[in-house]
Amino acid sequence: MIKCGRPRKGEELISRDRLLDTAFSLFLECGYGNLSLETIARDARVSMRTIYSQFGGKAGLFGAVIRRCSDEIVTDLSDEYVLERSPKEALSAFAKQFLYRITRPDVVRIRAILIGESLRFPDLATQFYEQGPQRTLDLLTQFFARQQQTGYFAAMDPHFLADQFLSALRSERFQKLQLGLEPTPDEAEIDAWVRQTTDLFLRGSLNTKDIVAE
């Protein structure tokens, strides 16, 4: 029997996940400019209308791929998580997820594609920044603002604190990684990277010096 009408909610989620998985793989393989929506639709077994209605086009689809990649990072600073841990523990957990995600070969490749294509496709750069870096920066800013209300961090612009912490995490090592001059760090290396960066950052941003020893 031929099924008619809209797919059920569970089927829609499966179709969306398949589309995002397919798009991610194809962006990695083909880049952005050389990849057509027709190819994505065919490989994901969805219609072009579905892509346009859900994402507005290729740039929107790319943004959705980036947003899904960033979901695991931003959830580590959710209110529920922070309430169960000290600010230092929450920052460390966030930093581990952040570094793990941005140093994976696939993510490094996606960033390289973005940098190479951003001048030709400014919408691509916008989607990437809004769904990835901007989203992470905004949530981290909110985290610092909440913690300042408790007196944990010094009274300074929370956006500046968030920007400085992210910049400290990325560091020169990440730039070398993007250039292929540094191997992908393993779990132990990321743990050390996070510990050193977080401790150094806290020494310059805490309201009281002794909290670093937690």
N, C-alpha and C. Protein backbone atom coordinates (compact mmCIF):
# COMPACT_ATOMS: atom_id res chain seq x y z
N MET A 1 0.84 -1.19 0.00
CA MET A 1 0.00 0.00 0.00
C MET A 1 0.88 1.24 0.00
N ILE A 2 0.54 2.23 -0.80
CA ILE A 2 1.29 3.46 -0.86
C ILE A 2 0.87 4.37 0.28
N LYS A 3 1.85 4.88 1.03
CA LYS A 3 1.55 5.77 2.14
C LYS A 3 1.39 7.19 1.63
N CYS A 4 0.34 7.86 2.12
CA CYS A 4 0.09 9.23 1.72
C CYS A 4 0.11 10.13 2.96
N GLY A 5 0.19 11.43 2.70
CA GLY A 5 0.18 12.37 3.81
C GLY A 5 1.56 12.59 4.40
N ARG A 6 1.60 13.41 5.45
CA ARG A 6 2.86 13.75 6.09
C ARG A 6 3.42 12.56 6.88
N PRO A 7 4.75 12.42 6.94
CA PRO A 7 5.33 11.36 7.77
C PRO A 7 5.11 11.64 9.24
N ARG A 8 5.09 10.58 10.03
CA ARG A 8 4.95 10.75 11.46
C ARG A 8 6.18 11.44 12.05
N LYS A 9 6.05 11.95 13.29
CA LYS A 9 7.12 12.74 13.91
C LYS A 9 8.42 11.95 14.00
N GLY A 10 8.33 10.69 14.40
CA GLY A 10 9.54 9.87 14.51
C GLY A 10 10.22 9.69 13.17
N GLU A 11 9.41 9.52 12.11
CA GLU A 11 9.97 9.37 10.77
C GLU A 11 10.62 10.66 10.30
N GLU A 12 10.02 11.80 10.68
CA GLU A 12 10.60 13.10 10.32
C GLU A 12 11.98 13.28 10.96
N LEU A 13 12.10 12.87 12.24
CA LEU A 13 13.38 13.00 12.93
C LEU A 13 14.44 12.11 12.30
N ILE A 14 14.05 10.89 11.93
CA ILE A 14 14.99 9.98 11.27
C ILE A 14 15.44 10.56 9.94
N SER A 15 14.48 11.10 9.18
CA SER A 15 14.80 11.70 7.89
C SER A 15 15.73 12.90 8.06
N ARG A 16 15.49 13.73 9.07
CA ARG A 16 16.33 14.90 9.33
C ARG A 16 17.74 14.47 9.71
N ASP A 17 17.83 13.48 10.60
CA ASP A 17 19.15 13.00 11.02
C ASP A 17 19.91 12.42 9.83
N ARG A 18 19.22 11.66 8.99
CA ARG A 18 19.87 11.09 7.81
C ARG A 18 20.36 12.19 6.88
N LEU A 19 19.54 13.23 6.72
CA LEU A 19 19.93 14.36 5.88
C LEU A 19 21.16 15.07 6.42
N LEU A 20 21.20 15.33 7.73
CA LEU A 20 22.34 16.01 8.33
C LEU A 20 23.60 15.14 8.27
N ASP A 21 23.44 13.85 8.51
CA ASP A 21 24.59 12.94 8.40
C ASP A 21 25.15 12.93 6.98
N THR A 22 24.25 12.84 6.02
CA THR A 22 24.67 12.81 4.62
C THR A 22 25.33 14.12 4.22
N ALA A 23 24.72 15.23 4.61
CA ALA A 23 25.27 16.54 4.26
C ALA A 23 26.66 16.72 4.86
N PHE A 24 26.84 16.31 6.11
CA PHE A 24 28.14 16.43 6.76
C PHE A 24 29.20 15.65 5.98
N SER A 25 28.90 14.42 5.63
CA SER A 25 29.85 13.59 4.89
C SER A 25 30.16 14.19 3.52
N LEU A 26 29.15 14.71 2.85
CA LEU A 26 29.37 15.27 1.52
C LEU A 26 30.12 16.59 1.57
N PHE A 27 29.86 17.41 2.58
CA PHE A 27 30.63 18.65 2.73
C PHE A 27 32.11 18.32 2.94
N LEU A 28 32.38 17.30 3.74
CA LEU A 28 33.77 16.90 3.97
C LEU A 28 34.43 16.40 2.69
N GLU A 29 33.68 15.65 1.91
CA GLU A 29 34.23 15.04 0.70
C GLU A 29 34.38 16.03 -0.45
N CYS A 30 33.38 16.89 -0.62
CA CYS A 30 33.31 17.73 -1.82
C CYS A 30 33.58 19.21 -1.58
N GLY A 31 33.61 19.62 -0.32
CA GLY A 31 33.67 21.04 -0.05
C GLY A 31 32.28 21.64 -0.10
N TYR A 32 32.20 22.95 -0.15
CA TYR A 32 30.91 23.63 -0.15
C TYR A 32 30.50 24.08 -1.55
N GLY A 33 31.36 24.82 -2.23
CA GLY A 33 31.01 25.39 -3.53
C GLY A 33 30.75 24.35 -4.60
N ASN A 34 31.44 23.23 -4.53
CA ASN A 34 31.31 22.20 -5.57
C ASN A 34 30.20 21.20 -5.29
N LEU A 35 29.51 21.36 -4.18
CA LEU A 35 28.46 20.40 -3.80
C LEU A 35 27.09 20.99 -4.10
N SER A 36 26.29 20.25 -4.83
CA SER A 36 24.95 20.73 -5.17
C SER A 36 23.91 20.18 -4.20
N LEU A 37 22.83 20.93 -4.06
CA LEU A 37 21.73 20.45 -3.23
C LEU A 37 21.09 19.21 -3.84
N GLU A 38 21.13 19.10 -5.16
CA GLU A 38 20.58 17.92 -5.81
C GLU A 38 21.32 16.66 -5.35
N THR A 39 22.64 16.76 -5.24
CA THR A 39 23.44 15.61 -4.79
C THR A 39 23.10 15.24 -3.36
N ILE A 40 22.97 16.25 -2.50
CA ILE A 40 22.64 15.99 -1.10
C ILE A 40 21.26 15.34 -1.00
N ALA A 41 20.30 15.89 -1.72
CA ALA A 41 18.93 15.35 -1.67
C ALA A 41 18.90 13.90 -2.15
N ARG A 42 19.61 13.63 -3.24
CA ARG A 42 19.62 12.28 -3.79
C ARG A 42 20.24 11.29 -2.80
N ASP A 43 21.41 11.63 -2.25
CA ASP A 43 22.09 10.70 -1.35
C ASP A 43 21.35 10.53 -0.02
N ALA A 44 20.66 11.59 0.42
CA ALA A 44 19.92 11.51 1.68
C ALA A 44 18.51 10.96 1.50
N ARG A 45 18.11 10.77 0.25
CA ARG A 45 16.78 10.24 -0.09
C ARG A 45 15.66 11.15 0.44
N VAL A 46 15.85 12.45 0.21
CA VAL A 46 14.82 13.43 0.55
C VAL A 46 14.59 14.31 -0.68
N SER A 47 13.52 15.07 -0.67
CA SER A 47 13.22 15.96 -1.79
C SER A 47 13.93 17.30 -1.61
N MET A 48 14.13 18.00 -2.71
CA MET A 48 14.68 19.35 -2.65
C MET A 48 13.76 20.26 -1.84
N ARG A 49 12.46 20.04 -1.98
CA ARG A 49 11.49 20.85 -1.24
C ARG A 49 11.71 20.70 0.26
N THR A 50 12.03 19.51 0.71
CA THR A 50 12.28 19.28 2.14
C THR A 50 13.46 20.11 2.62
N ILE A 51 14.54 20.13 1.84
CA ILE A 51 15.73 20.89 2.24
C ILE A 51 15.41 22.38 2.32
N TYR A 52 14.70 22.89 1.31
CA TYR A 52 14.38 24.32 1.32
C TYR A 52 13.40 24.68 2.43
N SER A 53 12.43 23.82 2.67
CA SER A 53 11.42 24.14 3.69
C SER A 53 12.00 24.07 5.10
N GLN A 54 12.95 23.15 5.33
CA GLN A 54 13.52 23.00 6.67
C GLN A 54 14.72 23.89 6.92
N PHE A 55 15.50 24.17 5.87
CA PHE A 55 16.77 24.87 6.08
C PHE A 55 16.95 26.12 5.22
N GLY A 56 16.09 26.34 4.25
CA GLY A 56 16.16 27.53 3.45
C GLY A 56 17.19 27.50 2.33
N GLY A 57 17.96 26.42 2.22
CA GLY A 57 18.98 26.33 1.19
C GLY A 57 20.25 25.71 1.73
N LYS A 58 21.30 25.78 0.94
CA LYS A 58 22.55 25.09 1.30
C LYS A 58 23.24 25.73 2.49
N ALA A 59 23.25 27.06 2.55
CA ALA A 59 23.89 27.73 3.70
C ALA A 59 23.17 27.38 4.99
N GLY A 60 21.84 27.34 4.96
CA GLY A 60 21.09 26.97 6.15
C GLY A 60 21.33 25.54 6.56
N LEU A 61 21.46 24.65 5.58
CA LEU A 61 21.76 23.25 5.88
C LEU A 61 23.14 23.13 6.51
N PHE A 62 24.12 23.87 5.97
CA PHE A 62 25.46 23.86 6.55
C PHE A 62 25.40 24.36 7.99
N GLY A 63 24.62 25.42 8.23
CA GLY A 63 24.49 25.94 9.58
C GLY A 63 23.89 24.91 10.53
N ALA A 64 22.93 24.13 10.06
CA ALA A 64 22.32 23.09 10.90
C ALA A 64 23.32 22.00 11.22
N VAL A 65 24.18 21.67 10.26
CA VAL A 65 25.24 20.69 10.51
C VAL A 65 26.18 21.20 11.61
N ILE A 66 26.57 22.47 11.52
CA ILE A 66 27.45 23.06 12.52
C ILE A 66 26.76 23.14 13.87
N ARG A 67 25.49 23.49 13.89
CA ARG A 67 24.77 23.59 15.16
C ARG A 67 24.73 22.23 15.85
N ARG A 68 24.52 21.18 15.09
CA ARG A 68 24.48 19.85 15.71
C ARG A 68 25.84 19.49 16.27
N CYS A 69 26.91 19.90 15.58
CA CYS A 69 28.26 19.64 16.09
C CYS A 69 28.51 20.38 17.40
N SER A 70 27.89 21.54 17.56
CA SER A 70 28.14 22.35 18.75
C SER A 70 27.22 22.01 19.91
N ASP A 71 26.19 21.19 19.66
CA ASP A 71 25.21 20.89 20.71
C ASP A 71 25.86 20.30 21.96
N GLU A 72 26.79 19.37 21.78
CA GLU A 72 27.41 18.72 22.93
C GLU A 72 28.24 19.70 23.74
N ILE A 73 28.80 20.71 23.09
CA ILE A 73 29.61 21.69 23.80
C ILE A 73 28.74 22.57 24.68
N VAL A 74 27.69 23.14 24.10
CA VAL A 74 26.90 24.12 24.84
C VAL A 74 26.09 23.49 25.96
N THR A 75 25.70 22.23 25.85
CA THR A 75 24.92 21.61 26.91
C THR A 75 25.73 21.45 28.18
N ASP A 76 27.05 21.47 28.10
CA ASP A 76 27.87 21.34 29.30
C ASP A 76 27.88 22.61 30.15
N LEU A 77 27.24 23.67 29.69
CA LEU A 77 27.10 24.88 30.50
C LEU A 77 25.63 25.18 30.78
N SER A 78 24.78 24.15 30.65
CA SER A 78 23.36 24.34 30.94
C SER A 78 23.17 24.57 32.43
N ASP A 79 22.05 25.18 32.78
CA ASP A 79 21.77 25.49 34.19
C ASP A 79 21.79 24.24 35.05
N GLU A 80 21.22 23.14 34.55
CA GLU A 80 21.15 21.92 35.33
C GLU A 80 22.54 21.39 35.63
N TYR A 81 23.42 21.46 34.66
CA TYR A 81 24.77 20.95 34.86
C TYR A 81 25.52 21.81 35.87
N VAL A 82 25.44 23.14 35.71
CA VAL A 82 26.21 24.04 36.55
C VAL A 82 25.76 23.95 38.00
N LEU A 83 24.47 23.76 38.23
CA LEU A 83 23.97 23.68 39.59
C LEU A 83 24.55 22.50 40.35
N GLU A 84 24.98 21.47 39.65
CA GLU A 84 25.50 20.28 40.29
C GLU A 84 27.01 20.31 40.49
N ARG A 85 27.70 21.34 39.96
CA ARG A 85 29.16 21.38 40.00
C ARG A 85 29.65 22.77 40.32
N SER A 86 30.89 22.83 40.79
CA SER A 86 31.49 24.14 41.02
C SER A 86 31.79 24.80 39.68
N PRO A 87 31.93 26.14 39.67
CA PRO A 87 32.25 26.81 38.41
C PRO A 87 33.53 26.27 37.77
N LYS A 88 34.52 25.94 38.58
CA LYS A 88 35.77 25.41 38.00
C LYS A 88 35.52 24.06 37.33
N GLU A 89 34.73 23.21 37.97
CA GLU A 89 34.42 21.91 37.37
C GLU A 89 33.60 22.07 36.10
N ALA A 90 32.65 23.00 36.11
CA ALA A 90 31.83 23.23 34.93
C ALA A 90 32.68 23.75 33.77
N LEU A 91 33.58 24.69 34.06
CA LEU A 91 34.46 25.22 33.02
C LEU A 91 35.36 24.14 32.46
N SER A 92 35.89 23.30 33.32
CA SER A 92 36.78 22.22 32.87
C SER A 92 36.05 21.23 31.99
N ALA A 93 34.82 20.88 32.37
CA ALA A 93 34.04 19.94 31.56
C ALA A 93 33.71 20.56 30.20
N PHE A 94 33.32 21.83 30.22
CA PHE A 94 33.07 22.54 28.96
C PHE A 94 34.31 22.55 28.09
N ALA A 95 35.46 22.88 28.69
CA ALA A 95 36.71 23.00 27.93
C ALA A 95 37.10 21.67 27.30
N LYS A 96 36.89 20.56 28.02
CA LYS A 96 37.23 19.25 27.46
C LYS A 96 36.38 18.95 26.24
N GLN A 97 35.07 19.20 26.34
CA GLN A 97 34.19 18.95 25.19
C GLN A 97 34.55 19.88 24.04
N PHE A 98 34.82 21.14 24.36
CA PHE A 98 35.16 22.12 23.33
C PHE A 98 36.41 21.70 22.57
N LEU A 99 37.47 21.37 23.30
CA LEU A 99 38.72 21.00 22.65
C LEU A 99 38.59 19.68 21.91
N TYR A 100 37.87 18.73 22.51
CA TYR A 100 37.70 17.45 21.83
C TYR A 100 37.01 17.66 20.49
N ARG A 101 35.95 18.49 20.47
CA ARG A 101 35.19 18.68 19.24
C ARG A 101 36.00 19.42 18.19
N ILE A 102 36.65 20.53 18.56
CA ILE A 102 37.30 21.36 17.54
C ILE A 102 38.61 20.77 17.03
N THR A 103 39.15 19.76 17.74
CA THR A 103 40.40 19.16 17.29
C THR A 103 40.20 17.87 16.51
N ARG A 104 38.95 17.40 16.37
CA ARG A 104 38.71 16.18 15.59
C ARG A 104 39.01 16.47 14.12
N PRO A 105 39.59 15.53 13.40
CA PRO A 105 39.94 15.76 11.99
C PRO A 105 38.79 16.25 11.13
N ASP A 106 37.58 15.69 11.32
CA ASP A 106 36.44 16.11 10.51
C ASP A 106 36.10 17.58 10.75
N VAL A 107 36.18 18.01 12.01
CA VAL A 107 35.84 19.40 12.34
C VAL A 107 36.92 20.34 11.82
N VAL A 108 38.17 19.93 11.94
CA VAL A 108 39.26 20.74 11.38
C VAL A 108 39.08 20.90 9.88
N ARG A 109 38.65 19.84 9.22
CA ARG A 109 38.41 19.88 7.78
C ARG A 109 37.27 20.83 7.43
N ILE A 110 36.18 20.78 8.20
CA ILE A 110 35.05 21.66 7.97
C ILE A 110 35.47 23.12 8.11
N ARG A 111 36.27 23.43 9.11
CA ARG A 111 36.75 24.80 9.29
C ARG A 111 37.63 25.23 8.12
N ALA A 112 38.44 24.32 7.63
CA ALA A 112 39.28 24.64 6.47
C ALA A 112 38.43 24.94 5.25
N ILE A 113 37.36 24.16 5.06
CA ILE A 113 36.43 24.41 3.95
C ILE A 113 35.81 25.79 4.10
N LEU A 114 35.39 26.12 5.31
CA LEU A 114 34.77 27.43 5.55
C LEU A 114 35.72 28.56 5.20
N ILE A 115 36.94 28.48 5.68
CA ILE A 115 37.91 29.55 5.44
C ILE A 115 38.16 29.71 3.94
N GLY A 116 38.24 28.60 3.23
CA GLY A 116 38.50 28.66 1.80
C GLY A 116 37.32 29.17 0.98
N GLU A 117 36.11 29.00 1.49
CA GLU A 117 34.92 29.34 0.71
C GLU A 117 34.23 30.62 1.18
N SER A 118 34.63 31.19 2.31
CA SER A 118 33.86 32.27 2.93
C SER A 118 33.78 33.53 2.08
N LEU A 119 34.82 33.85 1.31
CA LEU A 119 34.77 35.05 0.47
C LEU A 119 33.78 34.89 -0.68
N ARG A 120 33.69 33.69 -1.24
CA ARG A 120 32.74 33.45 -2.33
C ARG A 120 31.32 33.28 -1.82
N PHE A 121 31.19 32.76 -0.60
CA PHE A 121 29.87 32.46 -0.04
C PHE A 121 29.76 33.08 1.35
N PRO A 122 29.51 34.39 1.43
CA PRO A 122 29.42 35.06 2.74
C PRO A 122 28.32 34.49 3.63
N ASP A 123 27.24 33.98 3.03
CA ASP A 123 26.19 33.37 3.85
C ASP A 123 26.71 32.15 4.60
N LEU A 124 27.66 31.45 4.00
CA LEU A 124 28.26 30.29 4.64
C LEU A 124 28.99 30.71 5.90
N ALA A 125 29.79 31.79 5.80
CA ALA A 125 30.52 32.28 6.96
C ALA A 125 29.56 32.71 8.06
N THR A 126 28.47 33.36 7.67
CA THR A 126 27.47 33.80 8.66
C THR A 126 26.85 32.62 9.38
N GLN A 127 26.43 31.61 8.63
CA GLN A 127 25.82 30.43 9.23
C GLN A 127 26.78 29.73 10.17
N PHE A 128 28.03 29.60 9.74
CA PHE A 128 29.02 28.93 10.58
C PHE A 128 29.21 29.69 11.88
N TYR A 129 29.40 31.01 11.78
CA TYR A 129 29.69 31.79 12.98
C TYR A 129 28.51 31.81 13.94
N GLU A 130 27.30 32.00 13.40
CA GLU A 130 26.13 32.09 14.27
C GLU A 130 25.82 30.76 14.96
N GLN A 131 25.96 29.65 14.25
CA GLN A 131 25.60 28.35 14.80
C GLN A 131 26.71 27.69 15.60
N GLY A 132 27.95 28.14 15.41
CA GLY A 132 29.08 27.57 16.13
C GLY A 132 29.70 28.54 17.11
N PRO A 133 30.69 29.33 16.69
CA PRO A 133 31.41 30.22 17.61
C PRO A 133 30.53 31.21 18.37
N GLN A 134 29.58 31.87 17.67
CA GLN A 134 28.75 32.86 18.35
C GLN A 134 27.87 32.22 19.41
N ARG A 135 27.31 31.08 19.08
CA ARG A 135 26.44 30.38 20.03
C ARG A 135 27.22 29.96 21.27
N THR A 136 28.43 29.47 21.06
CA THR A 136 29.27 29.06 22.19
C THR A 136 29.67 30.27 23.03
N LEU A 137 30.07 31.36 22.37
CA LEU A 137 30.47 32.57 23.07
C LEU A 137 29.32 33.14 23.89
N ASP A 138 28.13 33.17 23.33
CA ASP A 138 26.97 33.72 24.04
C ASP A 138 26.66 32.91 25.30
N LEU A 139 26.68 31.58 25.18
CA LEU A 139 26.37 30.75 26.34
C LEU A 139 27.44 30.89 27.41
N LEU A 140 28.69 30.97 27.01
CA LEU A 140 29.77 31.13 27.97
C LEU A 140 29.68 32.50 28.65
N THR A 141 29.28 33.52 27.90
CA THR A 141 29.07 34.85 28.49
C THR A 141 27.99 34.79 29.56
N GLN A 142 26.91 34.09 29.28
CA GLN A 142 25.83 33.93 30.26
C GLN A 142 26.32 33.19 31.50
N PHE A 143 27.17 32.19 31.29
CA PHE A 143 27.73 31.45 32.41
C PHE A 143 28.53 32.36 33.33
N PHE A 144 29.42 33.17 32.76
CA PHE A 144 30.23 34.07 33.57
C PHE A 144 29.36 35.11 34.27
N ALA A 145 28.34 35.62 33.59
CA ALA A 145 27.46 36.61 34.21
C ALA A 145 26.74 36.02 35.42
N ARG A 146 26.27 34.78 35.30
CA ARG A 146 25.60 34.14 36.44
C ARG A 146 26.56 33.94 37.60
N GLN A 147 27.77 33.52 37.28
CA GLN A 147 28.74 33.26 38.35
C GLN A 147 29.23 34.56 38.99
N GLN A 148 29.24 35.65 38.25
CA GLN A 148 29.60 36.94 38.84
C GLN A 148 28.57 37.37 39.88
N GLN A 149 27.32 37.01 39.68
CA GLN A 149 26.28 37.35 40.64
C GLN A 149 26.50 36.68 41.98
N THR A 150 27.18 35.54 41.97
CA THR A 150 27.49 34.84 43.22
C THR A 150 28.81 35.31 43.83
N GLY A 151 29.53 36.19 43.11
CA GLY A 151 30.79 36.70 43.61
C GLY A 151 31.99 35.85 43.27
N TYR A 152 31.79 34.83 42.42
CA TYR A 152 32.90 33.92 42.13
C TYR A 152 33.95 34.57 41.24
N PHE A 153 33.51 35.27 40.19
CA PHE A 153 34.44 35.91 39.27
C PHE A 153 34.50 37.41 39.52
N ALA A 154 35.64 38.01 39.15
CA ALA A 154 35.82 39.44 39.31
C ALA A 154 34.81 40.21 38.46
N ALA A 155 34.50 41.43 38.89
CA ALA A 155 33.52 42.26 38.20
C ALA A 155 34.16 42.89 36.96
N MET A 156 34.01 42.21 35.84
CA MET A 156 34.45 42.74 34.55
C MET A 156 33.49 42.24 33.49
N ASP A 157 33.59 42.76 32.30
CA ASP A 157 32.67 42.41 31.22
C ASP A 157 32.65 40.88 31.02
N PRO A 158 31.50 40.22 31.24
CA PRO A 158 31.44 38.77 31.08
C PRO A 158 31.72 38.32 29.65
N HIS A 159 31.37 39.15 28.68
CA HIS A 159 31.68 38.83 27.28
C HIS A 159 33.19 38.79 27.08
N PHE A 160 33.90 39.71 27.71
CA PHE A 160 35.37 39.72 27.63
C PHE A 160 35.94 38.46 28.27
N LEU A 161 35.41 38.06 29.41
CA LEU A 161 35.88 36.84 30.07
C LEU A 161 35.68 35.63 29.16
N ALA A 162 34.49 35.53 28.55
CA ALA A 162 34.20 34.40 27.67
C ALA A 162 35.14 34.38 26.48
N ASP A 163 35.35 35.55 25.89
CA ASP A 163 36.23 35.64 24.72
C ASP A 163 37.66 35.26 25.08
N GLN A 164 38.13 35.71 26.22
CA GLN A 164 39.49 35.40 26.64
C GLN A 164 39.67 33.92 26.96
N PHE A 165 38.66 33.30 27.57
CA PHE A 165 38.77 31.88 27.89
C PHE A 165 38.81 31.03 26.61
N LEU A 166 37.96 31.35 25.65
CA LEU A 166 37.96 30.62 24.39
C LEU A 166 39.27 30.84 23.64
N SER A 167 39.78 32.06 23.65
CA SER A 167 41.04 32.34 22.97
C SER A 167 42.19 31.58 23.62
N ALA A 168 42.16 31.50 24.95
CA ALA A 168 43.21 30.76 25.66
C ALA A 168 43.15 29.27 25.32
N LEU A 169 41.94 28.74 25.18
CA LEU A 169 41.80 27.32 24.85
C LEU A 169 42.31 27.02 23.43
N ARG A 170 41.94 27.88 22.49
CA ARG A 170 42.35 27.61 21.10
C ARG A 170 43.87 27.70 20.96
N SER A 171 44.46 28.76 21.40
CA SER A 171 45.91 28.90 21.52
C SER A 171 46.66 28.67 20.19
N GLU A 172 47.97 28.78 20.27
CA GLU A 172 48.82 28.56 19.11
C GLU A 172 48.80 27.10 18.67
N ARG A 173 48.56 26.21 19.60
CA ARG A 173 48.56 24.78 19.27
C ARG A 173 47.44 24.44 18.29
N PHE A 174 46.28 25.08 18.47
CA PHE A 174 45.17 24.81 17.57
C PHE A 174 45.47 25.33 16.17
N GLN A 175 46.13 26.47 16.07
CA GLN A 175 46.50 26.99 14.76
C GLN A 175 47.44 26.03 14.04
N LYS A 176 48.39 25.45 14.77
CA LYS A 176 49.30 24.48 14.17
C LYS A 176 48.54 23.23 13.74
N LEU A 177 47.54 22.85 14.53
CA LEU A 177 46.71 21.69 14.18
C LEU A 177 45.98 21.93 12.87
N GLN A 178 45.42 23.13 12.69
CA GLN A 178 44.72 23.46 11.45
C GLN A 178 45.65 23.44 10.24
N LEU A 179 46.91 23.76 10.46
CA LEU A 179 47.88 23.77 9.37
C LEU A 179 48.51 22.40 9.12
N GLY A 180 48.09 21.40 9.88
CA GLY A 180 48.66 20.07 9.72
C GLY A 180 50.03 19.91 10.33
N LEU A 181 50.40 20.83 11.22
CA LEU A 181 51.72 20.79 11.84
C LEU A 181 51.69 20.16 13.23
N GLU A 182 50.50 19.74 13.66
CA GLU A 182 50.33 19.16 14.99
C GLU A 182 49.38 17.97 14.86
N PRO A 183 49.70 16.84 15.51
CA PRO A 183 48.79 15.69 15.43
C PRO A 183 47.55 15.91 16.29
N THR A 184 46.49 15.17 15.99
CA THR A 184 45.27 15.23 16.79
C THR A 184 45.56 14.81 18.22
N PRO A 185 45.24 15.63 19.21
CA PRO A 185 45.56 15.28 20.61
C PRO A 185 44.70 14.13 21.11
N ASP A 186 45.29 13.29 21.95
CA ASP A 186 44.51 12.21 22.56
C ASP A 186 43.87 12.73 23.86
N GLU A 187 43.16 11.85 24.55
CA GLU A 187 42.41 12.26 25.74
C GLU A 187 43.32 12.81 26.83
N ALA A 188 44.46 12.16 27.05
CA ALA A 188 45.38 12.61 28.08
C ALA A 188 45.95 13.99 27.76
N GLU A 189 46.25 14.22 26.50
CA GLU A 189 46.78 15.51 26.09
C GLU A 189 45.73 16.61 26.24
N ILE A 190 44.48 16.29 25.93
CA ILE A 190 43.41 17.27 26.10
C ILE A 190 43.20 17.57 27.57
N ASP A 191 43.25 16.54 28.43
CA ASP A 191 43.11 16.76 29.87
C ASP A 191 44.17 17.71 30.39
N ALA A 192 45.42 17.51 29.97
CA ALA A 192 46.50 18.39 30.41
C ALA A 192 46.32 19.80 29.86
N TRP A 193 45.90 19.89 28.61
CA TRP A 193 45.65 21.17 27.94
C TRP A 193 44.58 21.96 28.71
N VAL A 194 43.51 21.28 29.07
CA VAL A 194 42.41 21.91 29.80
C VAL A 194 42.86 22.33 31.19
N ARG A 195 43.54 21.46 31.90
CA ARG A 195 43.94 21.76 33.27
C ARG A 195 44.84 22.99 33.33
N GLN A 196 45.84 23.03 32.47
CA GLN A 196 46.78 24.15 32.48
C GLN A 196 46.10 25.46 32.09
N THR A 197 45.27 25.41 31.04
CA THR A 197 44.61 26.62 30.57
C THR A 197 43.60 27.14 31.59
N THR A 198 42.79 26.23 32.16
CA THR A 198 41.76 26.65 33.11
C THR A 198 42.38 27.21 34.37
N ASP A 199 43.41 26.57 34.89
CA ASP A 199 44.06 27.07 36.10
C ASP A 199 44.66 28.46 35.87
N LEU A 200 45.32 28.64 34.74
CA LEU A 200 45.92 29.94 34.44
C LEU A 200 44.84 31.01 34.29
N PHE A 201 43.76 30.67 33.61
CA PHE A 201 42.68 31.63 33.41
C PHE A 201 42.05 32.02 34.74
N LEU A 202 41.80 31.05 35.60
CA LEU A 202 41.14 31.34 36.87
C LEU A 202 41.99 32.23 37.77
N ARG A 203 43.28 32.07 37.71
CA ARG A 203 44.16 32.91 38.54
C ARG A 203 44.05 34.39 38.19
N GLY A 204 43.66 34.68 36.96
CA GLY A 204 43.53 36.07 36.55
C GLY A 204 42.12 36.61 36.59
N SER A 205 41.12 35.75 36.85
CA SER A 205 39.74 36.21 36.74
C SER A 205 38.90 36.00 38.00
N LEU A 206 39.42 35.27 38.98
CA LEU A 206 38.64 35.00 40.18
C LEU A 206 38.51 36.23 41.06
N ASN A 207 37.44 36.24 41.83
CA ASN A 207 37.23 37.32 42.79
C ASN A 207 38.09 37.13 44.02
N THR A 208 38.41 35.86 44.34
CA THR A 208 39.31 35.56 45.46
C THR A 208 40.34 34.57 44.97
N LYS A 209 41.57 34.71 45.41
CA LYS A 209 42.68 33.91 44.89
C LYS A 209 42.61 32.44 45.29
N ASP A 210 42.03 32.16 46.44
CA ASP A 210 42.15 30.81 46.98
C ASP A 210 41.20 29.81 46.33
N ILE A 211 40.27 30.28 45.46
CA ILE A 211 39.32 29.32 44.85
C ILE A 211 40.03 28.42 43.87
N VAL A 212 41.18 28.83 43.33
CA VAL A 212 41.90 28.00 42.39
C VAL A 212 42.26 26.66 42.99
N ALA A 213 42.43 26.63 44.29
CA ALA A 213 42.86 25.40 44.95
C ALA A 213 41.73 24.40 45.16
N GLU A 214 40.52 24.72 44.68
CA GLU A 214 39.41 23.77 44.87
C GLU A 214 39.74 22.39 44.33
